[in-house]
Amino acid sequence: MSEATAGKPKAAQRIQSAAKDLFYRQGIRATGVEEVCRVAEATKMSLYRAYPSKDALIAAILHEDAEEWEAWFKEVTAEAPTAAGKLRALMVAASKELEDPDYRGCPMLLAQAEFPDPAHPTHRLVAEFKARMCNDLIDLAREAGAAQPQRLGELLAMLFDGAWSSLPYLGGPRASAVLRDGADLIFQALLPKE
C-alpha cells in the first residue's frame, strides 16, 4: 500500500461522507452521483458496489444521522440527574445548535421534504425516526412525572422541528431564543413544580 493511500478511508466511507455533506448543503435531488464520486475521489463502480442505488446511499446516511442523534441525545442529557433536567438539557443543547451559522436544520426533515410521497423509502425512514424521537421525549416526560406525558413529548417534538423550520425567516439566534422560551412555557405548564 502506498503512503498516499494508506491514510485514505475506504471508497465506501469517502462516498458516504461526501454524499452526506453534499446532500445536506445542496439537497439530495440537486446532487448527482457523479458529483458525489468526484468529491469522494471514487468511481461510480465503487459507489454502486457499496450502495446498489442512490436510495440505498440515502438510507445509509439517514441511519447514520439517526445514530448521531441518539448519541447526541445521550451526551447532552448525561449530566442531568433527573428526567426533567434531561428534558431541559435537550432544549438548551438544541438551542445552541440553532446558533451555528452553518446549521441548515434537521437533516432528516430536509431529506423528507424532498420526498413527500409517504410510500417513498426515504419518507418512511424519516417518519419512523421522528416517531422514535417523539417516543423518547414522551418516555422522559413520563419519567419526569408529567400528568400528560404524551402531550408534553409531542409538544416538545413539534417545538424541536418547528425551531429547525424557522431558521430561514427567524435566523439562528432568534430561533434559539424562541425555542428556549417555548420550552420554558411548556415545562411550566406540564411538568410538576420542583
N, C-alpha and C. Protein backbone atom coordinates (compact mmCIF):
# COMPACT_ATOMS: atom_id res chain seq x y z
N MET A 1 0.85 -1.17 0.00
CA MET A 1 0.00 0.00 0.00
C MET A 1 0.90 1.24 0.00
N SER A 2 0.62 2.16 -0.88
CA SER A 2 1.44 3.36 -0.97
C SER A 2 1.12 4.30 0.18
N GLU A 3 2.04 5.24 0.43
CA GLU A 3 1.84 6.22 1.50
C GLU A 3 0.63 7.10 1.21
N ALA A 4 0.38 7.38 -0.06
CA ALA A 4 -0.74 8.25 -0.45
C ALA A 4 -2.08 7.62 -0.14
N THR A 5 -2.20 6.29 -0.24
CA THR A 5 -3.48 5.63 0.01
C THR A 5 -3.60 5.06 1.42
N ALA A 6 -2.49 5.00 2.15
CA ALA A 6 -2.52 4.40 3.48
C ALA A 6 -3.46 5.13 4.43
N GLY A 7 -3.47 6.46 4.38
CA GLY A 7 -4.30 7.22 5.30
C GLY A 7 -5.69 7.51 4.80
N LYS A 8 -6.01 7.08 3.59
CA LYS A 8 -7.30 7.37 2.99
C LYS A 8 -8.35 6.35 3.43
N PRO A 9 -9.54 6.83 3.83
CA PRO A 9 -10.58 5.86 4.16
C PRO A 9 -11.02 5.10 2.91
N LYS A 10 -11.64 3.97 3.12
CA LYS A 10 -12.13 3.17 2.00
C LYS A 10 -13.10 3.97 1.16
N ALA A 11 -13.23 3.57 -0.11
CA ALA A 11 -14.09 4.30 -1.05
C ALA A 11 -15.52 4.45 -0.52
N ALA A 12 -16.08 3.41 0.06
CA ALA A 12 -17.46 3.48 0.55
C ALA A 12 -17.60 4.53 1.65
N GLN A 13 -16.61 4.62 2.53
CA GLN A 13 -16.65 5.63 3.59
C GLN A 13 -16.53 7.03 3.01
N ARG A 14 -15.63 7.19 2.04
CA ARG A 14 -15.47 8.51 1.40
C ARG A 14 -16.74 8.91 0.67
N ILE A 15 -17.35 7.95 0.00
CA ILE A 15 -18.58 8.22 -0.75
C ILE A 15 -19.69 8.66 0.21
N GLN A 16 -19.88 7.90 1.28
CA GLN A 16 -20.95 8.23 2.22
C GLN A 16 -20.70 9.59 2.87
N SER A 17 -19.47 9.86 3.24
CA SER A 17 -19.13 11.13 3.87
C SER A 17 -19.36 12.30 2.91
N ALA A 18 -18.91 12.15 1.67
CA ALA A 18 -19.09 13.21 0.67
C ALA A 18 -20.57 13.42 0.38
N ALA A 19 -21.30 12.33 0.22
CA ALA A 19 -22.73 12.43 -0.09
C ALA A 19 -23.48 13.09 1.07
N LYS A 20 -23.14 12.71 2.28
CA LYS A 20 -23.81 13.29 3.44
C LYS A 20 -23.64 14.81 3.45
N ASP A 21 -22.42 15.27 3.24
CA ASP A 21 -22.15 16.71 3.23
C ASP A 21 -22.86 17.41 2.07
N LEU A 22 -22.75 16.84 0.88
CA LEU A 22 -23.38 17.45 -0.30
C LEU A 22 -24.90 17.46 -0.20
N PHE A 23 -25.47 16.36 0.23
CA PHE A 23 -26.93 16.29 0.36
C PHE A 23 -27.42 17.34 1.37
N TYR A 24 -26.69 17.50 2.45
CA TYR A 24 -27.10 18.46 3.49
C TYR A 24 -26.99 19.90 2.98
N ARG A 25 -25.90 20.21 2.30
CA ARG A 25 -25.68 21.58 1.84
C ARG A 25 -26.48 21.94 0.59
N GLN A 26 -26.62 21.00 -0.34
CA GLN A 26 -27.21 21.30 -1.65
C GLN A 26 -28.60 20.71 -1.85
N GLY A 27 -28.89 19.64 -1.13
CA GLY A 27 -30.11 18.89 -1.34
C GLY A 27 -29.79 17.57 -2.02
N ILE A 28 -30.65 16.60 -1.78
CA ILE A 28 -30.43 15.25 -2.32
C ILE A 28 -30.68 15.23 -3.83
N ARG A 29 -31.80 15.75 -4.24
CA ARG A 29 -32.14 15.71 -5.67
C ARG A 29 -31.22 16.58 -6.51
N ALA A 30 -30.68 17.64 -5.91
CA ALA A 30 -29.79 18.56 -6.65
C ALA A 30 -28.38 18.00 -6.79
N THR A 31 -28.09 16.92 -6.09
CA THR A 31 -26.74 16.35 -6.10
C THR A 31 -26.74 15.02 -6.84
N GLY A 32 -25.99 14.96 -7.91
CA GLY A 32 -25.90 13.73 -8.69
C GLY A 32 -24.80 12.81 -8.18
N VAL A 33 -24.88 11.55 -8.57
CA VAL A 33 -23.87 10.59 -8.13
C VAL A 33 -22.50 10.92 -8.72
N GLU A 34 -22.47 11.56 -9.89
CA GLU A 34 -21.19 11.95 -10.48
C GLU A 34 -20.46 12.94 -9.57
N GLU A 35 -21.22 13.91 -9.04
CA GLU A 35 -20.61 14.90 -8.13
C GLU A 35 -20.15 14.23 -6.84
N VAL A 36 -20.95 13.33 -6.32
CA VAL A 36 -20.56 12.60 -5.10
C VAL A 36 -19.25 11.87 -5.35
N CYS A 37 -19.15 11.18 -6.48
CA CYS A 37 -17.93 10.43 -6.80
C CYS A 37 -16.73 11.35 -6.97
N ARG A 38 -16.94 12.49 -7.62
CA ARG A 38 -15.85 13.44 -7.82
C ARG A 38 -15.33 13.94 -6.47
N VAL A 39 -16.22 14.36 -5.59
CA VAL A 39 -15.82 14.88 -4.28
C VAL A 39 -15.19 13.77 -3.43
N ALA A 40 -15.69 12.56 -3.54
CA ALA A 40 -15.19 11.43 -2.75
C ALA A 40 -13.92 10.82 -3.35
N GLU A 41 -13.56 11.29 -4.55
CA GLU A 41 -12.42 10.70 -5.27
C GLU A 41 -12.61 9.20 -5.41
N ALA A 42 -13.79 8.86 -5.94
CA ALA A 42 -14.15 7.45 -6.13
C ALA A 42 -14.81 7.29 -7.50
N THR A 43 -14.91 6.07 -7.95
CA THR A 43 -15.56 5.79 -9.22
C THR A 43 -17.04 5.46 -9.00
N LYS A 44 -17.82 5.59 -10.07
CA LYS A 44 -19.23 5.20 -9.97
C LYS A 44 -19.35 3.71 -9.66
N MET A 45 -18.41 2.92 -10.18
CA MET A 45 -18.44 1.50 -9.90
C MET A 45 -18.26 1.26 -8.39
N SER A 46 -17.37 2.02 -7.75
CA SER A 46 -17.19 1.90 -6.31
C SER A 46 -18.47 2.28 -5.57
N LEU A 47 -19.13 3.34 -6.03
CA LEU A 47 -20.37 3.77 -5.40
C LEU A 47 -21.42 2.66 -5.49
N TYR A 48 -21.63 2.15 -6.70
CA TYR A 48 -22.69 1.15 -6.87
C TYR A 48 -22.32 -0.22 -6.31
N ARG A 49 -21.04 -0.45 -6.07
CA ARG A 49 -20.64 -1.68 -5.39
C ARG A 49 -21.03 -1.58 -3.90
N ALA A 50 -20.85 -0.41 -3.32
CA ALA A 50 -21.16 -0.22 -1.90
C ALA A 50 -22.64 0.05 -1.66
N TYR A 51 -23.26 0.75 -2.61
CA TYR A 51 -24.67 1.16 -2.47
C TYR A 51 -25.35 0.85 -3.80
N PRO A 52 -26.24 -0.12 -3.85
CA PRO A 52 -26.82 -0.54 -5.12
C PRO A 52 -27.64 0.54 -5.83
N SER A 53 -28.01 1.59 -5.09
CA SER A 53 -28.79 2.68 -5.70
C SER A 53 -28.56 3.95 -4.89
N LYS A 54 -28.99 5.07 -5.46
CA LYS A 54 -28.91 6.33 -4.71
C LYS A 54 -29.79 6.24 -3.46
N ASP A 55 -30.94 5.58 -3.58
CA ASP A 55 -31.82 5.40 -2.42
C ASP A 55 -31.11 4.64 -1.30
N ALA A 56 -30.30 3.65 -1.65
CA ALA A 56 -29.56 2.89 -0.63
C ALA A 56 -28.51 3.78 0.04
N LEU A 57 -27.89 4.66 -0.72
CA LEU A 57 -26.93 5.60 -0.16
C LEU A 57 -27.64 6.57 0.79
N ILE A 58 -28.79 7.07 0.38
CA ILE A 58 -29.59 7.97 1.22
C ILE A 58 -29.96 7.26 2.52
N ALA A 59 -30.41 6.01 2.41
CA ALA A 59 -30.80 5.25 3.61
C ALA A 59 -29.62 5.08 4.56
N ALA A 60 -28.44 4.79 4.02
CA ALA A 60 -27.26 4.63 4.87
C ALA A 60 -26.95 5.93 5.61
N ILE A 61 -27.09 7.05 4.92
CA ILE A 61 -26.83 8.36 5.54
C ILE A 61 -27.87 8.65 6.62
N LEU A 62 -29.14 8.36 6.33
CA LEU A 62 -30.19 8.60 7.32
C LEU A 62 -30.00 7.73 8.56
N HIS A 63 -29.57 6.49 8.38
CA HIS A 63 -29.28 5.63 9.53
C HIS A 63 -28.13 6.21 10.35
N GLU A 64 -27.11 6.73 9.66
CA GLU A 64 -26.00 7.37 10.35
C GLU A 64 -26.49 8.61 11.11
N ASP A 65 -27.35 9.42 10.46
CA ASP A 65 -27.91 10.60 11.13
C ASP A 65 -28.68 10.20 12.39
N ALA A 66 -29.45 9.13 12.30
CA ALA A 66 -30.23 8.66 13.46
C ALA A 66 -29.29 8.23 14.59
N GLU A 67 -28.24 7.52 14.26
CA GLU A 67 -27.27 7.10 15.28
C GLU A 67 -26.58 8.30 15.91
N GLU A 68 -26.26 9.31 15.08
CA GLU A 68 -25.63 10.51 15.62
C GLU A 68 -26.59 11.26 16.55
N TRP A 69 -27.87 11.31 16.19
CA TRP A 69 -28.84 11.99 17.04
C TRP A 69 -28.97 11.26 18.38
N GLU A 70 -29.03 9.93 18.33
CA GLU A 70 -29.16 9.16 19.56
C GLU A 70 -27.94 9.34 20.46
N ALA A 71 -26.74 9.40 19.85
CA ALA A 71 -25.52 9.64 20.64
C ALA A 71 -25.54 11.05 21.22
N TRP A 72 -25.98 12.03 20.43
CA TRP A 72 -26.08 13.42 20.90
C TRP A 72 -27.07 13.51 22.06
N PHE A 73 -28.21 12.84 21.91
CA PHE A 73 -29.25 12.81 22.95
C PHE A 73 -28.66 12.31 24.26
N LYS A 74 -27.93 11.21 24.21
CA LYS A 74 -27.31 10.64 25.42
C LYS A 74 -26.26 11.59 26.00
N GLU A 75 -25.46 12.18 25.12
CA GLU A 75 -24.39 13.06 25.56
C GLU A 75 -24.94 14.31 26.27
N VAL A 76 -25.93 14.95 25.69
CA VAL A 76 -26.41 16.21 26.27
C VAL A 76 -27.28 16.00 27.50
N THR A 77 -27.76 14.78 27.70
CA THR A 77 -28.59 14.51 28.89
C THR A 77 -27.81 13.79 29.99
N ALA A 78 -26.60 13.38 29.72
CA ALA A 78 -25.83 12.54 30.65
C ALA A 78 -25.63 13.19 32.02
N GLU A 79 -25.40 14.48 32.06
CA GLU A 79 -25.09 15.16 33.33
C GLU A 79 -26.34 15.48 34.15
N ALA A 80 -27.49 15.46 33.53
CA ALA A 80 -28.72 15.85 34.24
C ALA A 80 -29.14 14.72 35.19
N PRO A 81 -29.38 15.04 36.47
CA PRO A 81 -29.70 14.00 37.45
C PRO A 81 -31.15 13.52 37.40
N THR A 82 -32.03 14.29 36.76
CA THR A 82 -33.45 13.91 36.73
C THR A 82 -33.96 13.91 35.29
N ALA A 83 -35.10 13.28 35.09
CA ALA A 83 -35.71 13.26 33.76
C ALA A 83 -36.11 14.67 33.33
N ALA A 84 -36.64 15.46 34.25
CA ALA A 84 -36.99 16.86 33.93
C ALA A 84 -35.74 17.63 33.54
N GLY A 85 -34.65 17.39 34.24
CA GLY A 85 -33.38 18.02 33.89
C GLY A 85 -32.89 17.61 32.52
N LYS A 86 -33.12 16.36 32.17
CA LYS A 86 -32.73 15.87 30.85
C LYS A 86 -33.53 16.58 29.76
N LEU A 87 -34.83 16.76 29.98
CA LEU A 87 -35.66 17.47 29.01
C LEU A 87 -35.17 18.91 28.84
N ARG A 88 -34.86 19.55 29.94
CA ARG A 88 -34.35 20.93 29.88
C ARG A 88 -32.99 20.98 29.16
N ALA A 89 -32.13 20.02 29.47
CA ALA A 89 -30.81 19.98 28.84
C ALA A 89 -30.92 19.80 27.32
N LEU A 90 -31.88 18.98 26.90
CA LEU A 90 -32.10 18.79 25.46
C LEU A 90 -32.47 20.11 24.78
N MET A 91 -33.36 20.87 25.39
CA MET A 91 -33.79 22.12 24.79
C MET A 91 -32.66 23.13 24.72
N VAL A 92 -31.85 23.19 25.78
CA VAL A 92 -30.70 24.10 25.79
C VAL A 92 -29.70 23.70 24.70
N ALA A 93 -29.40 22.41 24.62
CA ALA A 93 -28.44 21.93 23.62
C ALA A 93 -28.96 22.17 22.20
N ALA A 94 -30.24 21.93 21.98
CA ALA A 94 -30.82 22.17 20.65
C ALA A 94 -30.77 23.64 20.31
N SER A 95 -31.01 24.50 21.29
CA SER A 95 -30.97 25.94 21.02
C SER A 95 -29.57 26.37 20.61
N LYS A 96 -28.56 25.76 21.19
CA LYS A 96 -27.17 26.08 20.82
C LYS A 96 -26.87 25.65 19.38
N GLU A 97 -27.42 24.51 18.97
CA GLU A 97 -27.23 24.04 17.59
C GLU A 97 -27.75 25.09 16.59
N LEU A 98 -28.88 25.69 16.93
CA LEU A 98 -29.50 26.66 16.04
C LEU A 98 -28.63 27.89 15.82
N GLU A 99 -27.76 28.20 16.75
CA GLU A 99 -26.92 29.38 16.66
C GLU A 99 -25.71 29.19 15.76
N ASP A 100 -25.43 27.96 15.36
CA ASP A 100 -24.30 27.68 14.47
C ASP A 100 -24.65 28.20 13.07
N PRO A 101 -23.85 29.12 12.51
CA PRO A 101 -24.19 29.71 11.21
C PRO A 101 -24.21 28.69 10.06
N ASP A 102 -23.55 27.55 10.22
CA ASP A 102 -23.55 26.53 9.17
C ASP A 102 -24.71 25.54 9.31
N TYR A 103 -25.48 25.69 10.35
CA TYR A 103 -26.58 24.76 10.60
C TYR A 103 -27.76 25.10 9.71
N ARG A 104 -28.19 24.14 8.90
CA ARG A 104 -29.29 24.34 7.96
C ARG A 104 -30.59 23.75 8.46
N GLY A 105 -30.54 23.05 9.56
CA GLY A 105 -31.74 22.40 10.08
C GLY A 105 -31.54 20.91 10.20
N CYS A 106 -32.59 20.25 10.59
CA CYS A 106 -32.55 18.80 10.79
C CYS A 106 -32.34 18.10 9.46
N PRO A 107 -31.26 17.32 9.32
CA PRO A 107 -31.01 16.64 8.05
C PRO A 107 -32.12 15.65 7.68
N MET A 108 -32.78 15.11 8.70
CA MET A 108 -33.88 14.18 8.44
C MET A 108 -35.05 14.91 7.78
N LEU A 109 -35.43 16.05 8.36
CA LEU A 109 -36.55 16.80 7.79
C LEU A 109 -36.21 17.35 6.41
N LEU A 110 -34.96 17.76 6.22
CA LEU A 110 -34.55 18.23 4.89
C LEU A 110 -34.70 17.11 3.87
N ALA A 111 -34.31 15.90 4.24
CA ALA A 111 -34.45 14.76 3.33
C ALA A 111 -35.92 14.45 3.07
N GLN A 112 -36.73 14.45 4.13
CA GLN A 112 -38.14 14.11 3.97
C GLN A 112 -38.87 15.13 3.08
N ALA A 113 -38.47 16.39 3.19
CA ALA A 113 -39.10 17.43 2.37
C ALA A 113 -38.90 17.18 0.87
N GLU A 114 -37.80 16.51 0.53
CA GLU A 114 -37.52 16.22 -0.88
C GLU A 114 -38.29 15.00 -1.39
N PHE A 115 -38.84 14.22 -0.47
CA PHE A 115 -39.57 13.01 -0.84
C PHE A 115 -40.92 13.01 -0.13
N PRO A 116 -41.87 13.82 -0.62
CA PRO A 116 -43.14 13.98 0.09
C PRO A 116 -44.08 12.77 0.01
N ASP A 117 -43.83 11.84 -0.89
CA ASP A 117 -44.69 10.67 -1.02
C ASP A 117 -44.50 9.77 0.21
N PRO A 118 -45.56 9.58 1.03
CA PRO A 118 -45.43 8.76 2.24
C PRO A 118 -44.98 7.33 1.97
N ALA A 119 -45.11 6.85 0.74
CA ALA A 119 -44.69 5.49 0.42
C ALA A 119 -43.21 5.41 0.05
N HIS A 120 -42.56 6.56 -0.18
CA HIS A 120 -41.15 6.53 -0.57
C HIS A 120 -40.30 6.07 0.63
N PRO A 121 -39.29 5.24 0.37
CA PRO A 121 -38.47 4.71 1.48
C PRO A 121 -37.82 5.81 2.34
N THR A 122 -37.39 6.90 1.72
CA THR A 122 -36.77 7.98 2.48
C THR A 122 -37.80 8.62 3.41
N HIS A 123 -38.97 8.88 2.90
CA HIS A 123 -40.04 9.47 3.71
C HIS A 123 -40.37 8.57 4.90
N ARG A 124 -40.48 7.28 4.63
CA ARG A 124 -40.82 6.32 5.69
C ARG A 124 -39.72 6.24 6.76
N LEU A 125 -38.46 6.21 6.31
CA LEU A 125 -37.35 6.15 7.27
C LEU A 125 -37.38 7.35 8.22
N VAL A 126 -37.60 8.54 7.66
CA VAL A 126 -37.62 9.74 8.49
C VAL A 126 -38.82 9.70 9.44
N ALA A 127 -39.98 9.29 8.93
CA ALA A 127 -41.17 9.22 9.78
C ALA A 127 -40.94 8.25 10.95
N GLU A 128 -40.30 7.13 10.69
CA GLU A 128 -40.01 6.16 11.75
C GLU A 128 -39.04 6.74 12.77
N PHE A 129 -38.01 7.44 12.29
CA PHE A 129 -37.05 8.06 13.20
C PHE A 129 -37.73 9.12 14.05
N LYS A 130 -38.52 9.98 13.42
CA LYS A 130 -39.18 11.06 14.16
C LYS A 130 -40.16 10.49 15.19
N ALA A 131 -40.83 9.38 14.86
CA ALA A 131 -41.72 8.74 15.83
C ALA A 131 -40.93 8.23 17.03
N ARG A 132 -39.75 7.64 16.79
CA ARG A 132 -38.90 7.17 17.89
C ARG A 132 -38.43 8.35 18.75
N MET A 133 -38.04 9.44 18.09
CA MET A 133 -37.61 10.63 18.81
C MET A 133 -38.74 11.14 19.71
N CYS A 134 -39.94 11.22 19.17
CA CYS A 134 -41.10 11.67 19.93
C CYS A 134 -41.36 10.73 21.11
N ASN A 135 -41.27 9.44 20.87
CA ASN A 135 -41.48 8.46 21.95
C ASN A 135 -40.43 8.58 23.05
N ASP A 136 -39.18 8.90 22.67
CA ASP A 136 -38.14 9.13 23.67
C ASP A 136 -38.50 10.31 24.56
N LEU A 137 -39.03 11.37 23.94
CA LEU A 137 -39.44 12.55 24.71
C LEU A 137 -40.64 12.23 25.60
N ILE A 138 -41.59 11.44 25.09
CA ILE A 138 -42.74 11.03 25.90
C ILE A 138 -42.28 10.20 27.09
N ASP A 139 -41.33 9.28 26.86
CA ASP A 139 -40.81 8.45 27.96
C ASP A 139 -40.14 9.31 29.03
N LEU A 140 -39.35 10.30 28.60
CA LEU A 140 -38.72 11.20 29.58
C LEU A 140 -39.77 12.01 30.32
N ALA A 141 -40.80 12.46 29.61
CA ALA A 141 -41.87 13.24 30.24
C ALA A 141 -42.59 12.38 31.29
N ARG A 142 -42.82 11.12 30.96
CA ARG A 142 -43.47 10.19 31.91
C ARG A 142 -42.57 10.01 33.13
N GLU A 143 -41.28 9.79 32.88
CA GLU A 143 -40.33 9.61 33.97
C GLU A 143 -40.23 10.87 34.85
N ALA A 144 -40.44 12.04 34.21
CA ALA A 144 -40.36 13.31 34.95
C ALA A 144 -41.62 13.58 35.77
N GLY A 145 -42.63 12.72 35.62
CA GLY A 145 -43.85 12.87 36.40
C GLY A 145 -44.88 13.79 35.78
N ALA A 146 -44.75 14.05 34.48
CA ALA A 146 -45.74 14.90 33.80
C ALA A 146 -47.11 14.24 33.86
N ALA A 147 -48.14 15.03 34.15
CA ALA A 147 -49.50 14.50 34.21
C ALA A 147 -49.97 14.06 32.82
N GLN A 148 -49.46 14.72 31.80
CA GLN A 148 -49.82 14.40 30.41
C GLN A 148 -48.53 14.16 29.61
N PRO A 149 -47.87 13.03 29.82
CA PRO A 149 -46.56 12.82 29.18
C PRO A 149 -46.63 12.79 27.66
N GLN A 150 -47.70 12.23 27.10
CA GLN A 150 -47.79 12.19 25.64
C GLN A 150 -47.90 13.61 25.09
N ARG A 151 -48.73 14.41 25.71
CA ARG A 151 -48.89 15.79 25.26
C ARG A 151 -47.57 16.55 25.37
N LEU A 152 -46.87 16.41 26.49
CA LEU A 152 -45.60 17.09 26.68
C LEU A 152 -44.57 16.63 25.64
N GLY A 153 -44.44 15.32 25.46
CA GLY A 153 -43.47 14.80 24.49
C GLY A 153 -43.77 15.27 23.07
N GLU A 154 -45.04 15.23 22.69
CA GLU A 154 -45.42 15.67 21.34
C GLU A 154 -45.21 17.17 21.15
N LEU A 155 -45.51 17.96 22.17
CA LEU A 155 -45.27 19.40 22.08
C LEU A 155 -43.78 19.70 21.91
N LEU A 156 -42.94 18.99 22.67
CA LEU A 156 -41.50 19.21 22.56
C LEU A 156 -40.97 18.76 21.20
N ALA A 157 -41.48 17.65 20.68
CA ALA A 157 -41.07 17.19 19.35
C ALA A 157 -41.44 18.23 18.30
N MET A 158 -42.65 18.77 18.42
CA MET A 158 -43.09 19.78 17.46
C MET A 158 -42.27 21.06 17.61
N LEU A 159 -41.93 21.41 18.84
CA LEU A 159 -41.12 22.59 19.08
C LEU A 159 -39.73 22.42 18.47
N PHE A 160 -39.14 21.24 18.64
CA PHE A 160 -37.85 20.93 18.01
C PHE A 160 -37.94 21.16 16.50
N ASP A 161 -38.89 20.48 15.87
CA ASP A 161 -38.99 20.54 14.42
C ASP A 161 -39.37 21.94 13.93
N GLY A 162 -40.21 22.63 14.70
CA GLY A 162 -40.56 23.99 14.33
C GLY A 162 -39.36 24.92 14.42
N ALA A 163 -38.49 24.68 15.38
CA ALA A 163 -37.29 25.51 15.52
C ALA A 163 -36.40 25.37 14.29
N TRP A 164 -36.21 24.12 13.83
CA TRP A 164 -35.38 23.91 12.63
C TRP A 164 -36.01 24.62 11.43
N SER A 165 -37.32 24.48 11.33
CA SER A 165 -38.03 25.04 10.17
C SER A 165 -38.04 26.57 10.17
N SER A 166 -37.89 27.19 11.32
CA SER A 166 -37.94 28.64 11.39
C SER A 166 -36.62 29.33 11.08
N LEU A 167 -35.55 28.56 10.91
CA LEU A 167 -34.24 29.15 10.66
C LEU A 167 -34.22 30.14 9.49
N PRO A 168 -34.85 29.82 8.34
CA PRO A 168 -34.74 30.75 7.21
C PRO A 168 -35.34 32.13 7.47
N TYR A 169 -36.37 32.22 8.29
CA TYR A 169 -37.00 33.52 8.48
C TYR A 169 -36.72 34.16 9.84
N LEU A 170 -36.40 33.38 10.86
CA LEU A 170 -36.05 33.97 12.15
C LEU A 170 -34.54 34.16 12.30
N GLY A 171 -33.78 33.31 11.65
CA GLY A 171 -32.33 33.30 11.86
C GLY A 171 -32.00 32.50 13.10
N GLY A 172 -30.76 32.04 13.17
CA GLY A 172 -30.34 31.16 14.26
C GLY A 172 -30.51 31.72 15.65
N PRO A 173 -29.99 32.94 15.94
CA PRO A 173 -30.10 33.45 17.31
C PRO A 173 -31.56 33.61 17.78
N ARG A 174 -32.44 34.10 16.91
CA ARG A 174 -33.83 34.29 17.33
C ARG A 174 -34.54 32.94 17.47
N ALA A 175 -34.31 32.03 16.52
CA ALA A 175 -34.91 30.69 16.62
C ALA A 175 -34.46 30.01 17.91
N SER A 176 -33.21 30.20 18.28
CA SER A 176 -32.67 29.63 19.51
C SER A 176 -33.40 30.19 20.73
N ALA A 177 -33.57 31.50 20.76
CA ALA A 177 -34.24 32.13 21.90
C ALA A 177 -35.71 31.70 21.99
N VAL A 178 -36.38 31.62 20.85
CA VAL A 178 -37.78 31.22 20.83
C VAL A 178 -37.92 29.76 21.29
N LEU A 179 -37.01 28.91 20.88
CA LEU A 179 -37.04 27.51 21.33
C LEU A 179 -36.92 27.44 22.85
N ARG A 180 -35.98 28.15 23.42
CA ARG A 180 -35.80 28.13 24.88
C ARG A 180 -37.05 28.69 25.58
N ASP A 181 -37.57 29.82 25.08
CA ASP A 181 -38.77 30.43 25.69
C ASP A 181 -39.96 29.48 25.60
N GLY A 182 -40.16 28.89 24.42
CA GLY A 182 -41.29 27.97 24.24
C GLY A 182 -41.18 26.76 25.15
N ALA A 183 -39.97 26.21 25.25
CA ALA A 183 -39.76 25.05 26.13
C ALA A 183 -40.04 25.42 27.58
N ASP A 184 -39.56 26.60 28.00
CA ASP A 184 -39.81 27.02 29.38
C ASP A 184 -41.31 27.12 29.67
N LEU A 185 -42.07 27.71 28.75
CA LEU A 185 -43.52 27.83 28.95
C LEU A 185 -44.18 26.45 29.04
N ILE A 186 -43.76 25.54 28.17
CA ILE A 186 -44.31 24.18 28.17
C ILE A 186 -43.96 23.47 29.47
N PHE A 187 -42.71 23.62 29.92
CA PHE A 187 -42.29 22.98 31.17
C PHE A 187 -43.09 23.52 32.36
N GLN A 188 -43.28 24.85 32.40
CA GLN A 188 -44.05 25.45 33.50
C GLN A 188 -45.47 24.91 33.52
N ALA A 189 -46.05 24.70 32.35
CA ALA A 189 -47.43 24.25 32.29
C ALA A 189 -47.60 22.76 32.55
N LEU A 190 -46.62 21.94 32.14
CA LEU A 190 -46.84 20.50 32.13
C LEU A 190 -45.94 19.65 33.02
N LEU A 191 -44.88 20.24 33.56
CA LEU A 191 -44.04 19.46 34.49
C LEU A 191 -44.41 19.79 35.92
N PRO A 192 -44.29 18.81 36.82
CA PRO A 192 -44.56 19.10 38.24
C PRO A 192 -43.58 20.17 38.74
N LYS A 193 -44.04 20.98 39.65
CA LYS A 193 -43.18 22.02 40.23
C LYS A 193 -42.10 21.36 41.06
N GLU A 194 -40.88 21.83 40.90
CA GLU A 194 -39.75 21.23 41.63
C GLU A 194 -39.54 21.93 42.96
